[in-house]
Amino acid sequence: MKINPESETIEMLAKTILVAARTAPKAKGKDDIVTALLETEDVENLASSMEEMAEKKGDGFAFFKRDAQNVRNADAVLLIGFKTESVVGLNCGACGFESCKDMFQQSKVNVDFTGPHCSFKYIDMGIALGSAAARAKDLCVDNRVMYSVGAGALSAGLLDADIACGMPLSIKGKNLFFDRK
C-alpha cells in the first residue's frame, strides 16, 4: 500500500498546467511566453531573493516575506512570463505611446520588471496565467498567481524574461495560499 500517493504526481501535474499556459491564445499567434518549473534547489534561492527584496523595498513590501514562506511550503513552483522585443503593430496607444515606433524609442526601465512593452504582450501573459490557473483548478491543485514570486525569480536570475509571475502549487489538505497573515 502507498500512503498519500498523490504527492508523487506534482511534477506531472505542474507540467500539465504549463501546457495550458503554452497553448493559451496569443495576439497574432506570436508566442513570446516563457515558462519554468523550479527544481528543488532553486526554491530556497527564490525564497531568499524575495526576502532580500522585502528588505530593500521597505514599508509595504512585507508580503514578499510571507510569499517566500509560501514558496518554501509549496509542492512545486511555476514561473510564467514573457521575453520580447516585438509588437503587434496596431499603433493602438495602449502602451501609452502614440505609435509602436514611439514606444521603441523610449529607454527601457528595469525595476522589478523591464518595460515598456506592447500591451498585447501583457494581455498574452495574463491569458497564459489564467489558462494555467484554470487548468490547476480543473486538476484540483491549489495555486495562487503571485507578482512577488515572479519579481523574486527575475531578481535571482532564475528566468530570462522581461516580466514574470509565479504560481506556487500545493496538493495538501488545506490551501496554503489563502488565509495568510
Protein backbone atom coordinates (compact mmCIF):
# COMPACT_ATOMS: atom_id res chain seq x y z
CA MET A 1 0.00 0.00 0.00
CA LYS A 2 1.16 3.54 -0.80
CA ILE A 3 0.26 6.22 1.70
CA ASN A 4 -0.52 9.66 0.18
CA PRO A 5 0.47 8.64 -3.38
CA GLU A 6 -0.93 11.92 -4.74
CA SER A 7 2.26 13.67 -3.63
CA GLU A 8 4.14 11.73 -6.32
CA THR A 9 2.12 13.36 -9.11
CA ILE A 10 3.02 17.02 -8.60
CA GLU A 11 5.70 17.24 -11.31
CA MET A 12 3.43 15.72 -13.95
CA LEU A 13 0.53 17.96 -12.88
CA ALA A 14 2.80 21.04 -12.92
CA LYS A 15 3.91 20.24 -16.47
CA THR A 16 0.27 19.77 -17.50
CA ILE A 17 -0.54 23.19 -16.04
CA LEU A 18 2.33 24.72 -18.04
CA VAL A 19 0.89 23.14 -21.21
CA ALA A 20 -2.23 25.26 -20.63
CA ALA A 21 -0.07 28.40 -20.42
CA ARG A 22 1.85 27.48 -23.56
CA THR A 23 -1.23 26.73 -25.66
CA ALA A 24 -3.23 29.76 -24.49
CA PRO A 25 -4.21 32.10 -27.35
CA LYS A 26 -1.66 34.78 -28.26
CA ALA A 27 -2.12 38.03 -30.22
CA LYS A 28 -1.38 37.39 -33.89
CA GLY A 29 -0.24 33.88 -32.90
CA LYS A 30 3.21 35.15 -31.81
CA ASP A 31 4.38 33.22 -28.75
CA ASP A 32 6.75 35.22 -26.51
CA ILE A 33 5.74 33.35 -23.35
CA VAL A 34 8.49 31.77 -21.24
CA THR A 35 7.77 29.14 -18.61
CA ALA A 36 9.70 27.23 -15.98
CA LEU A 37 9.20 24.61 -13.31
CA LEU A 38 11.63 25.27 -10.48
CA GLU A 39 13.92 22.48 -9.36
CA THR A 40 14.05 21.78 -5.63
CA GLU A 41 17.43 23.52 -5.27
CA ASP A 42 16.02 26.71 -6.88
CA VAL A 43 13.24 27.11 -4.32
CA GLU A 44 15.45 28.35 -1.47
CA ASN A 45 17.29 30.67 -3.87
CA LEU A 46 13.94 32.18 -4.90
CA ALA A 47 12.64 32.49 -1.33
CA SER A 48 15.86 34.19 -0.18
CA SER A 49 15.71 36.59 -3.12
CA MET A 50 12.14 37.51 -2.20
CA GLU A 51 13.13 38.17 1.41
CA GLU A 52 16.02 40.38 0.27
CA MET A 53 13.62 42.33 -1.96
CA ALA A 54 11.28 42.87 1.01
CA GLU A 55 14.16 44.39 2.97
CA LYS A 56 15.30 46.62 0.08
CA LYS A 57 11.81 47.80 -0.87
CA GLY A 58 10.87 48.58 2.73
CA ASP A 59 7.45 49.52 4.05
CA GLY A 60 4.56 47.99 2.20
CA PHE A 61 6.53 45.00 0.89
CA ALA A 62 6.44 42.66 3.89
CA PHE A 63 4.18 40.44 1.78
CA PHE A 64 7.31 39.36 -0.10
CA LYS A 65 8.47 37.60 3.11
CA ARG A 66 5.06 35.99 3.63
CA ASP A 67 5.04 34.83 -0.01
CA ALA A 68 8.61 33.48 0.36
CA GLN A 69 7.31 31.17 3.07
CA ASN A 70 4.50 30.07 0.72
CA VAL A 71 7.19 29.23 -1.86
CA ARG A 72 9.09 27.13 0.68
CA ASN A 73 5.90 25.27 1.66
CA ALA A 74 4.69 24.69 -1.93
CA ASP A 75 4.92 21.31 -3.60
CA ALA A 76 6.04 22.96 -6.86
CA VAL A 77 6.63 26.47 -8.20
CA LEU A 78 5.89 27.56 -11.76
CA LEU A 79 7.08 30.73 -13.46
CA ILE A 80 5.23 32.28 -16.40
CA GLY A 81 6.36 35.45 -18.16
CA PHE A 82 7.39 36.87 -21.48
CA LYS A 83 10.56 38.00 -23.24
CA THR A 84 10.17 40.07 -26.37
CA GLU A 85 11.20 43.00 -28.45
CA SER A 86 8.24 42.62 -30.80
CA VAL A 87 4.94 44.46 -31.03
CA VAL A 88 1.59 43.55 -32.51
CA GLY A 89 1.90 46.64 -34.70
CA LEU A 90 -1.53 48.19 -34.26
CA ASN A 91 -0.39 51.67 -33.13
CA CYS A 92 -3.28 51.41 -30.64
CA GLY A 93 -1.77 53.59 -27.89
CA ALA A 94 -2.50 51.08 -25.12
CA CYS A 95 1.20 51.15 -24.13
CA GLY A 96 0.92 54.88 -23.51
CA PHE A 97 2.60 55.97 -26.74
CA GLU A 98 1.08 57.17 -29.98
CA SER A 99 2.74 54.51 -32.09
CA CYS A 100 4.72 51.31 -31.74
CA LYS A 101 7.71 53.20 -33.13
CA ASP A 102 7.37 55.84 -30.38
CA MET A 103 7.35 53.10 -27.73
CA PHE A 104 10.50 51.52 -29.19
CA GLN A 105 12.31 54.87 -29.00
CA GLN A 106 11.81 55.03 -25.21
CA SER A 107 14.57 53.98 -22.86
CA LYS A 108 13.78 50.72 -21.12
CA VAL A 109 13.45 50.83 -17.37
CA ASN A 110 14.34 47.88 -15.19
CA VAL A 111 12.86 47.92 -11.71
CA ASP A 112 11.20 44.61 -10.82
CA PHE A 113 10.40 44.15 -14.50
CA THR A 114 11.62 45.63 -17.78
CA GLY A 115 9.42 47.87 -19.91
CA PRO A 116 7.69 49.41 -21.69
CA HIS A 117 6.36 46.66 -23.95
CA CYS A 118 3.46 46.22 -26.32
CA SER A 119 0.34 45.96 -24.17
CA PHE A 120 -0.79 42.92 -26.10
CA LYS A 121 2.22 41.03 -24.70
CA TYR A 122 0.93 41.74 -21.17
CA ILE A 123 -2.52 40.57 -22.26
CA ASP A 124 -0.98 37.38 -23.71
CA MET A 125 0.76 36.74 -20.40
CA GLY A 126 -2.48 37.33 -18.48
CA ILE A 127 -4.31 34.84 -20.67
CA ALA A 128 -1.49 32.31 -20.17
CA LEU A 129 -1.65 32.80 -16.38
CA GLY A 130 -5.44 32.49 -16.41
CA SER A 131 -5.27 29.34 -18.50
CA ALA A 132 -2.70 27.84 -16.13
CA ALA A 133 -4.78 28.73 -13.05
CA ALA A 134 -7.89 27.27 -14.67
CA ARG A 135 -6.05 24.04 -15.51
CA ALA A 136 -4.73 23.83 -11.95
CA LYS A 137 -8.28 24.25 -10.67
CA ASP A 138 -9.52 21.54 -13.04
CA LEU A 139 -6.80 19.24 -11.67
CA CYS A 140 -7.74 20.16 -8.04
CA VAL A 141 -4.27 21.64 -7.44
CA ASP A 142 -4.24 24.62 -5.08
CA ASN A 143 -2.45 27.61 -6.58
CA ARG A 144 -2.07 31.34 -6.48
CA VAL A 145 -0.63 33.76 -9.05
CA MET A 146 1.96 35.97 -7.33
CA TYR A 147 3.74 39.07 -8.59
CA SER A 148 6.27 38.73 -5.75
CA VAL A 149 7.35 35.27 -6.91
CA GLY A 150 7.94 36.47 -10.47
CA ALA A 151 9.84 39.55 -9.33
CA GLY A 152 11.94 37.44 -6.96
CA ALA A 153 12.70 34.90 -9.70
CA LEU A 154 13.90 37.60 -12.10
CA SER A 155 15.99 39.23 -9.36
CA ALA A 156 17.59 35.86 -8.60
CA GLY A 157 18.30 35.23 -12.29
CA LEU A 158 16.11 32.13 -12.37
CA LEU A 159 14.27 33.11 -15.57
CA ASP A 160 15.29 35.11 -18.63
CA ALA A 161 12.17 37.24 -19.04
CA ASP A 162 11.06 40.87 -19.14
CA ILE A 163 8.22 40.26 -16.71
CA ALA A 164 7.04 37.17 -14.86
CA CYS A 165 4.62 35.97 -12.24
CA GLY A 166 4.97 32.87 -10.13
CA MET A 167 2.42 30.22 -9.38
CA PRO A 168 3.18 28.02 -6.37
CA LEU A 169 1.25 24.75 -6.36
CA SER A 170 0.09 22.64 -3.46
CA ILE A 171 -1.73 19.33 -3.05
CA LYS A 172 -2.21 19.39 0.70
CA GLY A 173 -5.42 19.11 2.69
CA LYS A 174 -5.66 22.90 3.12
CA ASN A 175 -4.83 25.60 0.58
CA LEU A 176 -1.71 27.31 1.94
CA PHE A 177 -2.04 30.33 -0.31
CA PHE A 178 -5.15 31.77 1.36
CA ASP A 179 -5.98 32.75 4.95
CA ARG A 180 -2.43 34.11 5.14
CA LYS A 181 -1.26 36.63 7.72
